[in-house]
N, C-alpha and C. Protein backbone atom coordinates (compact mmCIF):
# COMPACT_ATOMS: atom_id res chain seq x y z
N MET A 1 8.31 35.38 -7.18
CA MET A 1 7.01 34.52 -8.09
C MET A 1 6.08 33.92 -5.75
N GLU A 2 4.74 34.11 -6.68
CA GLU A 2 5.03 33.65 -5.34
C GLU A 2 4.05 32.07 -5.31
N ALA A 3 4.28 31.58 -3.96
CA ALA A 3 4.38 30.30 -3.72
C ALA A 3 2.42 30.31 -4.11
N ARG A 4 2.96 29.52 -4.71
CA ARG A 4 1.03 28.19 -5.20
C ARG A 4 0.44 27.72 -3.67
N LEU A 5 -0.24 27.92 -4.43
CA LEU A 5 -1.44 27.22 -2.90
C LEU A 5 -2.20 25.94 -3.31
N GLU A 6 -2.64 25.11 -3.57
CA GLU A 6 -3.54 23.31 -3.66
C GLU A 6 -4.50 23.19 -2.89
N ILE A 7 -5.06 23.69 -1.94
CA ILE A 7 -5.93 22.34 -1.43
C ILE A 7 -7.10 22.50 -2.23
N ARG A 8 -7.48 20.91 -1.43
CA ARG A 8 -8.63 20.26 -2.72
C ARG A 8 -8.89 19.40 -0.73
N LEU A 9 -10.31 18.82 -1.11
CA LEU A 9 -11.34 17.97 -0.29
C LEU A 9 -11.35 16.76 -0.63
N ALA A 10 -10.88 15.71 -0.54
CA ALA A 10 -11.05 15.15 -2.24
C ALA A 10 -12.72 14.48 -1.63
N LEU A 11 -13.90 14.19 -2.08
CA LEU A 11 -14.97 13.29 -1.76
C LEU A 11 -15.23 11.97 -2.65
N ALA A 12 -14.00 11.36 -2.92
CA ALA A 12 -13.69 10.39 -4.40
C ALA A 12 -12.42 10.37 -4.14
N PRO A 13 -12.13 8.89 -3.89
CA PRO A 13 -10.62 8.33 -3.73
C PRO A 13 -9.53 9.05 -4.23
N PHE A 14 -8.38 9.44 -5.10
CA PHE A 14 -7.59 10.94 -5.62
C PHE A 14 -6.85 9.23 -5.92
N ASP A 15 -5.70 9.31 -6.96
CA ASP A 15 -4.55 8.67 -7.07
C ASP A 15 -3.03 10.12 -7.13
N PRO A 16 -2.57 9.69 -5.66
CA PRO A 16 -1.11 9.96 -5.38
C PRO A 16 -0.42 10.36 -6.19
N ALA A 17 0.01 8.84 -7.03
CA ALA A 17 1.26 9.40 -7.86
C ALA A 17 0.14 10.50 -8.97
N THR A 18 -0.90 10.23 -9.91
CA THR A 18 -0.88 11.28 -10.40
C THR A 18 -0.90 13.08 -9.81
N GLU A 19 -1.17 13.57 -8.50
CA GLU A 19 -0.95 14.40 -8.19
C GLU A 19 0.46 14.82 -7.99
N LEU A 20 1.26 13.81 -6.63
CA LEU A 20 2.50 13.93 -6.78
C LEU A 20 3.12 14.91 -8.04
N ALA A 21 3.27 13.52 -9.46
CA ALA A 21 3.72 13.97 -10.53
C ALA A 21 2.87 15.55 -11.03
N ALA A 22 2.06 16.30 -11.29
CA ALA A 22 0.81 17.16 -11.45
C ALA A 22 1.77 18.20 -10.53
N PHE A 23 2.22 18.20 -9.59
CA PHE A 23 3.15 19.46 -8.60
C PHE A 23 4.47 19.36 -8.68
N THR A 24 4.51 17.83 -8.74
CA THR A 24 6.43 17.93 -8.90
C THR A 24 6.58 19.11 -10.52
N ALA A 25 6.25 18.77 -11.72
CA ALA A 25 6.18 19.05 -12.68
C ALA A 25 5.50 21.22 -12.90
N ALA A 26 4.96 20.99 -12.07
CA ALA A 26 4.43 22.53 -12.04
C ALA A 26 5.25 23.29 -11.16
N HIS A 27 6.30 22.77 -10.52
CA HIS A 27 7.72 23.67 -9.65
C HIS A 27 8.52 23.37 -9.61
N PRO A 28 9.26 23.59 -11.51
CA PRO A 28 10.25 22.41 -11.29
C PRO A 28 11.46 23.38 -11.14
N GLN A 29 11.18 24.62 -10.53
CA GLN A 29 12.32 25.65 -10.63
C GLN A 29 12.71 24.67 -8.53
N ALA A 30 12.10 24.06 -7.81
CA ALA A 30 12.19 24.00 -6.97
C ALA A 30 13.83 22.68 -6.80
N GLY A 31 13.98 22.93 -5.73
CA GLY A 31 15.66 21.99 -5.48
C GLY A 31 14.78 20.74 -4.90
N GLY A 32 14.22 20.43 -4.54
CA GLY A 32 13.43 19.57 -3.75
C GLY A 32 11.80 18.86 -3.45
N VAL A 33 10.95 18.06 -3.56
CA VAL A 33 9.78 18.44 -3.29
C VAL A 33 9.41 16.96 -2.39
N VAL A 34 8.72 17.81 -1.07
CA VAL A 34 9.07 16.58 -0.20
C VAL A 34 7.30 16.43 0.44
N SER A 35 7.52 14.99 -0.30
CA SER A 35 5.74 14.62 -0.10
C SER A 35 5.35 13.24 1.21
N PHE A 36 3.99 13.55 2.03
CA PHE A 36 3.30 12.32 2.81
C PHE A 36 2.58 11.55 2.60
N LEU A 37 2.47 10.50 2.72
CA LEU A 37 0.98 10.05 2.31
C LEU A 37 0.59 9.86 3.04
N GLY A 38 -0.86 9.79 3.45
CA GLY A 38 -1.54 8.44 4.24
C GLY A 38 -2.48 7.77 3.58
N GLN A 39 -2.19 6.61 4.48
CA GLN A 39 -3.56 5.61 3.68
C GLN A 39 -4.48 4.91 4.74
N VAL A 40 -5.37 4.37 4.71
CA VAL A 40 -5.63 2.90 5.53
C VAL A 40 -5.40 1.77 5.60
N ARG A 41 -4.79 1.70 6.73
CA ARG A 41 -4.43 0.52 7.20
C ARG A 41 -4.78 -0.19 7.08
N ALA A 42 -4.00 -1.51 6.49
CA ALA A 42 -4.60 -2.31 5.73
C ALA A 42 -3.97 -3.82 7.30
N ASP A 43 -4.24 -3.42 7.79
CA ASP A 43 -4.04 -4.51 9.16
C ASP A 43 -4.14 -5.69 9.51
N GLY A 44 -5.41 -5.89 8.61
CA GLY A 44 -6.46 -7.64 8.45
C GLY A 44 -8.09 -5.98 10.48
N VAL A 45 -7.05 -6.01 10.99
CA VAL A 45 -8.69 -4.98 11.79
C VAL A 45 -9.27 -4.69 11.12
N VAL A 46 -9.29 -3.36 10.81
CA VAL A 46 -9.77 -2.28 9.68
C VAL A 46 -10.30 -2.59 9.05
N GLU A 47 -11.30 -3.15 9.10
CA GLU A 47 -11.98 -3.11 7.92
C GLU A 47 -12.84 -1.75 6.91
N ALA A 48 -12.58 -0.84 7.64
CA ALA A 48 -13.34 0.34 6.78
C ALA A 48 -12.83 1.86 8.37
N LEU A 49 -12.97 3.65 6.76
CA LEU A 49 -12.45 3.99 8.50
C LEU A 49 -13.33 5.20 7.15
N GLU A 50 -13.90 5.92 7.89
CA GLU A 50 -14.89 7.71 6.89
C GLU A 50 -14.69 8.31 8.42
N LEU A 51 -14.28 9.50 8.16
CA LEU A 51 -14.59 10.77 8.04
C LEU A 51 -15.25 11.64 7.31
N GLN A 52 -15.94 12.41 8.06
CA GLN A 52 -17.29 13.13 8.72
C GLN A 52 -16.60 14.28 8.73
N HIS A 53 -17.47 15.37 7.83
CA HIS A 53 -16.79 16.56 7.14
C HIS A 53 -17.57 17.88 8.12
N PHE A 54 -17.67 19.56 7.57
CA PHE A 54 -18.65 20.54 8.33
C PHE A 54 -18.38 20.62 7.29
N ALA A 55 -18.19 21.26 6.43
CA ALA A 55 -18.46 22.17 4.49
C ALA A 55 -17.94 22.83 4.85
N PRO A 56 -18.45 23.59 6.38
CA PRO A 56 -18.79 25.39 6.23
C PRO A 56 -17.60 25.46 7.22
N LEU A 57 -16.64 24.58 7.24
CA LEU A 57 -15.35 24.90 7.76
C LEU A 57 -13.69 23.96 8.14
N THR A 58 -14.57 23.21 6.87
CA THR A 58 -13.52 21.89 6.57
C THR A 58 -12.44 22.27 5.11
N LEU A 59 -13.22 23.00 4.78
CA LEU A 59 -11.94 23.63 3.88
C LEU A 59 -11.64 25.24 3.59
N PRO A 60 -12.15 25.57 4.36
CA PRO A 60 -11.27 26.88 4.48
C PRO A 60 -10.66 26.78 5.97
N GLY A 61 -10.91 25.55 6.91
CA GLY A 61 -10.07 25.59 8.10
C GLY A 61 -8.89 25.48 6.58
N MET A 62 -8.81 24.01 6.11
CA MET A 62 -7.62 24.12 5.20
C MET A 62 -6.38 24.69 4.64
N GLU A 63 -7.10 26.32 3.75
CA GLU A 63 -6.83 26.64 3.45
C GLU A 63 -6.53 27.35 4.30
N ALA A 64 -6.61 27.86 5.82
CA ALA A 64 -6.55 28.37 7.30
C ALA A 64 -4.42 27.89 6.99
N LEU A 65 -4.68 26.48 7.21
CA LEU A 65 -3.40 26.32 7.02
C LEU A 65 -2.69 26.13 6.29
N GLY A 66 -2.76 26.50 5.15
CA GLY A 66 -1.63 26.17 4.40
C GLY A 66 -1.14 27.55 4.17
N ARG A 67 -1.83 28.84 4.13
CA ARG A 67 -1.43 30.28 4.17
C ARG A 67 -0.66 30.23 5.24
N ALA A 68 -0.92 29.34 6.66
CA ALA A 68 0.26 30.05 7.66
C ALA A 68 1.37 29.43 7.87
N VAL A 69 1.70 27.83 6.56
CA VAL A 69 2.13 26.73 5.89
C VAL A 69 3.54 28.22 5.26
N LEU A 70 2.45 28.76 3.80
CA LEU A 70 3.55 29.49 3.42
C LEU A 70 3.94 30.11 4.02
N ALA A 71 2.46 31.10 4.92
CA ALA A 71 3.36 32.16 5.29
C ALA A 71 5.40 32.42 6.41
N SER A 72 5.23 30.96 6.62
CA SER A 72 6.71 30.36 7.78
C SER A 72 8.11 29.88 6.96
N TRP A 73 7.73 29.74 5.99
CA TRP A 73 9.13 28.84 5.36
C TRP A 73 9.25 29.37 3.53
N ALA A 74 9.39 29.25 2.55
CA ALA A 74 10.25 29.83 2.03
C ALA A 74 9.55 28.51 1.02
N LEU A 75 8.19 28.22 0.70
CA LEU A 75 8.21 27.60 -1.25
C LEU A 75 8.07 27.40 -1.53
N ASP A 76 8.25 27.32 -3.23
CA ASP A 76 7.37 27.49 -3.53
C ASP A 76 6.31 26.82 -3.89
N GLY A 77 5.75 26.00 -3.44
CA GLY A 77 4.04 24.70 -3.25
C GLY A 77 4.48 24.86 -2.33
N LEU A 78 2.57 23.90 -1.26
CA LEU A 78 2.20 23.63 -1.44
C LEU A 78 0.41 23.06 -1.43
N LEU A 79 0.71 21.27 -1.33
CA LEU A 79 -0.29 20.95 -1.80
C LEU A 79 -1.05 19.65 -0.56
N ILE A 80 -1.74 20.32 -0.23
CA ILE A 80 -2.74 19.51 0.32
C ILE A 80 -3.91 19.15 0.00
N VAL A 81 -3.91 16.93 -0.48
CA VAL A 81 -5.39 16.81 -0.82
C VAL A 81 -6.32 15.72 0.62
N HIS A 82 -7.60 16.35 1.12
CA HIS A 82 -7.40 15.42 1.85
C HIS A 82 -8.39 14.47 1.97
N ARG A 83 -8.91 13.24 2.00
CA ARG A 83 -10.41 12.52 1.42
C ARG A 83 -11.32 13.10 2.71
N ALA A 84 -12.50 12.35 2.12
CA ALA A 84 -13.70 12.44 3.38
C ALA A 84 -14.76 11.51 2.26
N GLY A 85 -15.39 10.81 3.74
CA GLY A 85 -16.51 9.85 3.39
C GLY A 85 -15.59 8.17 3.62
N THR A 86 -16.45 7.34 3.30
CA THR A 86 -15.99 5.81 3.42
C THR A 86 -14.27 5.21 2.75
N MET A 87 -13.45 5.01 3.64
CA MET A 87 -12.15 4.35 3.19
C MET A 87 -11.77 2.92 3.00
N ALA A 88 -11.46 2.08 1.65
CA ALA A 88 -10.63 1.35 2.08
C ALA A 88 -9.57 1.01 2.92
N PRO A 89 -8.69 -1.09 3.68
CA PRO A 89 -8.13 -0.58 4.34
C PRO A 89 -7.16 -0.72 2.38
N GLY A 90 -6.04 0.08 2.27
CA GLY A 90 -4.55 0.89 1.64
C GLY A 90 -5.78 1.82 0.56
N GLU A 91 -6.56 2.45 1.25
CA GLU A 91 -6.58 3.89 0.26
C GLU A 91 -6.32 5.16 0.73
N PRO A 92 -5.54 5.72 -0.07
CA PRO A 92 -4.49 6.95 0.44
C PRO A 92 -6.16 7.72 1.36
N ILE A 93 -5.40 8.72 2.33
CA ILE A 93 -6.37 9.59 3.19
C ILE A 93 -6.31 10.77 2.85
N VAL A 94 -4.69 10.87 3.02
CA VAL A 94 -4.64 12.51 2.70
C VAL A 94 -3.01 12.63 2.19
N LEU A 95 -2.23 13.67 1.18
CA LEU A 95 -1.70 13.73 1.04
C LEU A 95 -1.01 15.26 0.72
N VAL A 96 0.47 15.30 1.32
CA VAL A 96 0.90 16.32 1.62
C VAL A 96 1.79 16.75 0.70
N ALA A 97 2.16 17.55 0.10
CA ALA A 97 3.45 17.89 0.13
C ALA A 97 3.64 19.74 -0.70
N ALA A 98 5.19 19.20 -0.58
CA ALA A 98 5.79 20.83 -0.77
C ALA A 98 7.35 20.75 -1.53
N ALA A 99 7.03 22.08 -2.11
CA ALA A 99 8.28 21.78 -2.43
C ALA A 99 8.66 24.16 -3.03
N ALA A 100 10.84 23.26 -2.63
CA ALA A 100 11.42 24.44 -2.09
C ALA A 100 12.75 24.82 -3.23
N ARG A 101 13.17 25.54 -2.70
CA ARG A 101 14.25 25.07 -3.53
C ARG A 101 15.74 24.73 -2.03
N HIS A 102 15.14 25.40 -0.92
CA HIS A 102 15.72 24.18 -0.52
C HIS A 102 15.23 23.26 0.78
N ARG A 103 15.52 22.23 0.49
CA ARG A 103 15.39 20.96 1.50
C ARG A 103 14.47 21.02 2.38
N ARG A 104 15.04 21.96 3.70
CA ARG A 104 15.15 21.74 4.91
C ARG A 104 13.39 22.62 5.27
N ASP A 105 13.34 23.26 4.05
CA ASP A 105 11.71 24.50 4.39
C ASP A 105 11.02 23.49 3.79
N ALA A 106 11.45 21.85 2.48
CA ALA A 106 10.11 21.81 2.04
C ALA A 106 9.55 20.56 3.49
N PHE A 107 10.65 19.56 4.14
CA PHE A 107 10.49 18.40 5.27
C PHE A 107 9.87 19.28 5.97
N ALA A 108 10.33 20.72 6.46
CA ALA A 108 9.72 22.01 7.77
C ALA A 108 7.96 21.62 8.02
N ALA A 109 7.98 22.15 6.30
CA ALA A 109 6.29 22.36 6.09
C ALA A 109 5.15 21.40 6.33
N ALA A 110 5.55 20.26 5.17
CA ALA A 110 5.56 19.29 5.31
C ALA A 110 4.64 18.84 6.59
N ASP A 111 5.36 18.56 7.74
CA ASP A 111 5.59 18.40 9.15
C ASP A 111 4.66 19.19 9.42
N PHE A 112 5.35 19.92 9.49
CA PHE A 112 3.90 21.40 10.40
C PHE A 112 2.80 20.88 10.02
N ALA A 113 2.47 20.95 8.42
CA ALA A 113 1.12 20.58 7.71
C ALA A 113 0.06 18.86 8.46
N MET A 114 1.54 17.80 8.58
CA MET A 114 0.53 17.42 8.97
C MET A 114 -0.04 16.90 10.71
N ASP A 115 1.71 17.65 11.41
CA ASP A 115 1.09 17.70 12.63
C ASP A 115 0.11 18.90 13.28
N HIS A 116 -0.72 19.44 12.76
CA HIS A 116 -1.55 20.44 12.51
C HIS A 116 -3.08 19.83 11.77
N LEU A 117 -3.01 18.65 10.82
CA LEU A 117 -4.02 18.24 10.03
C LEU A 117 -4.45 17.02 11.03
N LYS A 118 -3.93 16.35 12.25
CA LYS A 118 -3.35 15.46 13.12
C LYS A 118 -3.86 16.10 14.08
N SER A 119 -4.00 16.82 15.01
CA SER A 119 -4.45 17.54 16.01
C SER A 119 -5.75 18.29 16.25
N GLU A 120 -5.71 19.48 14.64
CA GLU A 120 -6.76 20.43 15.09
C GLU A 120 -7.46 20.58 13.58
N SER A 121 -7.82 18.80 13.46
CA SER A 121 -8.37 18.83 12.26
C SER A 121 -10.63 19.03 11.55
N TRP A 122 -10.16 18.93 11.02
CA TRP A 122 -11.96 19.62 10.39
C TRP A 122 -13.00 18.09 10.58
N PHE A 123 -13.03 17.22 10.63
CA PHE A 123 -12.70 15.82 10.19
C PHE A 123 -13.29 14.82 11.67
N TRP A 124 -14.36 13.77 11.61
CA TRP A 124 -14.10 13.19 12.44
C TRP A 124 -13.83 11.82 11.83
N LYS A 125 -13.37 11.06 13.20
CA LYS A 125 -12.58 9.81 12.29
C LYS A 125 -13.58 8.60 12.60
N ARG A 126 -14.14 8.10 11.67
CA ARG A 126 -14.40 6.34 12.66
C ARG A 126 -14.26 4.55 12.13
N GLU A 127 -13.20 3.87 13.10
CA GLU A 127 -12.54 3.29 12.40
C GLU A 127 -13.87 1.77 12.62
N LYS A 128 -13.84 1.17 10.94
CA LYS A 128 -14.61 -0.19 11.13
C LYS A 128 -14.37 -1.25 12.06
N ARG A 129 -14.41 -1.90 13.17
CA ARG A 129 -13.08 -3.36 13.42
C ARG A 129 -14.69 -4.28 13.47
N ALA A 130 -14.59 -5.77 12.84
CA ALA A 130 -14.78 -6.77 14.06
C ALA A 130 -16.51 -6.36 13.51
N GLY A 131 -16.48 -5.38 12.70
CA GLY A 131 -17.89 -5.67 11.77
C GLY A 131 -19.50 -3.91 12.75
N GLN A 132 -18.01 -3.52 13.45
CA GLN A 132 -18.39 -2.01 14.81
C GLN A 132 -17.92 -1.33 14.74
N TRP A 133 -18.70 0.39 14.42
CA TRP A 133 -18.51 0.77 14.46
C TRP A 133 -17.50 2.07 15.59
N HIS A 134 -16.76 2.56 15.53
CA HIS A 134 -15.93 2.74 16.72
C HIS A 134 -15.05 4.81 16.38
N TRP A 135 -15.21 5.81 17.42
CA TRP A 135 -14.99 6.75 16.43
C TRP A 135 -13.71 6.50 17.95
N ILE A 136 -12.44 7.28 16.77
CA ILE A 136 -11.41 7.84 16.48
C ILE A 136 -10.77 9.23 17.10
N GLU A 137 -10.38 9.06 18.15
CA GLU A 137 -10.01 10.61 18.50
C GLU A 137 -8.53 10.72 18.95
N PRO A 138 -8.39 11.77 18.10
CA PRO A 138 -6.29 12.27 18.19
C PRO A 138 -5.67 11.54 19.58
N ARG A 139 -4.04 11.29 20.14
CA ARG A 139 -3.86 10.21 20.86
C ARG A 139 -2.80 10.87 21.15
N GLU A 140 -3.22 11.38 22.06
CA GLU A 140 -1.83 12.53 22.94
C GLU A 140 -0.48 12.52 22.18
N GLN A 141 -0.39 11.67 21.48
CA GLN A 141 1.33 12.33 20.73
C GLN A 141 1.38 13.44 20.06
N ASP A 142 0.16 12.55 18.43
CA ASP A 142 -0.73 14.09 18.01
C ASP A 142 -0.75 15.45 18.62
N TYR A 143 -0.90 15.72 20.45
CA TYR A 143 -0.98 17.02 20.57
C TYR A 143 0.37 17.57 21.16
N ALA A 144 0.80 16.32 21.43
CA ALA A 144 3.08 16.76 21.14
C ALA A 144 2.98 16.84 20.08
N ASP A 145 3.04 16.14 18.97
CA ASP A 145 3.18 17.17 17.92
C ASP A 145 2.95 18.34 17.60
N LYS A 146 2.18 18.30 17.04
CA LYS A 146 1.39 19.67 17.66
C LYS A 146 2.60 21.02 18.19
N ALA A 147 3.10 20.72 19.72
CA ALA A 147 3.38 21.43 20.35
C ALA A 147 4.61 22.68 20.23
N ARG A 148 5.44 21.05 19.34
CA ARG A 148 6.77 21.47 19.47
C ARG A 148 7.04 22.84 18.13
N TRP A 149 5.73 23.27 17.92
CA TRP A 149 5.78 23.80 16.93
C TRP A 149 5.41 25.45 17.42
N SER A 150 5.47 25.65 18.95
CA SER A 150 4.65 26.45 19.65
C SER A 150 5.52 27.18 20.33
């Protein structure tokens, strides 16, 4: 059975619980489902987060990443949902879920996908703090996390 790849660019808020429930239900043969949810920090400092994207690159880039993940691990399915637009603190940004017969493949696949989304993604990020917008670049740790897969 061929692994199922679901990649979505969400231009409006999405419900991670609904997404994960549907993904899990679609893969009853999986021995494990691993998920990661990234959300806007509700730390009292960040007022909003904006993710801009370039449509001709973003979804094709996400799909290429998904295919690379499926080629590298024995998965039953992979889900990546990534927001674009302006988000408030506490709102979900990204959901990555991997379904596999064995947990190690699911963990590694989700970890790899997030490391690559963080450092080579097709999004431009800025945060609003104290009423001012500030561009956010990937951190050195993001690049180091990605490099461990080389």
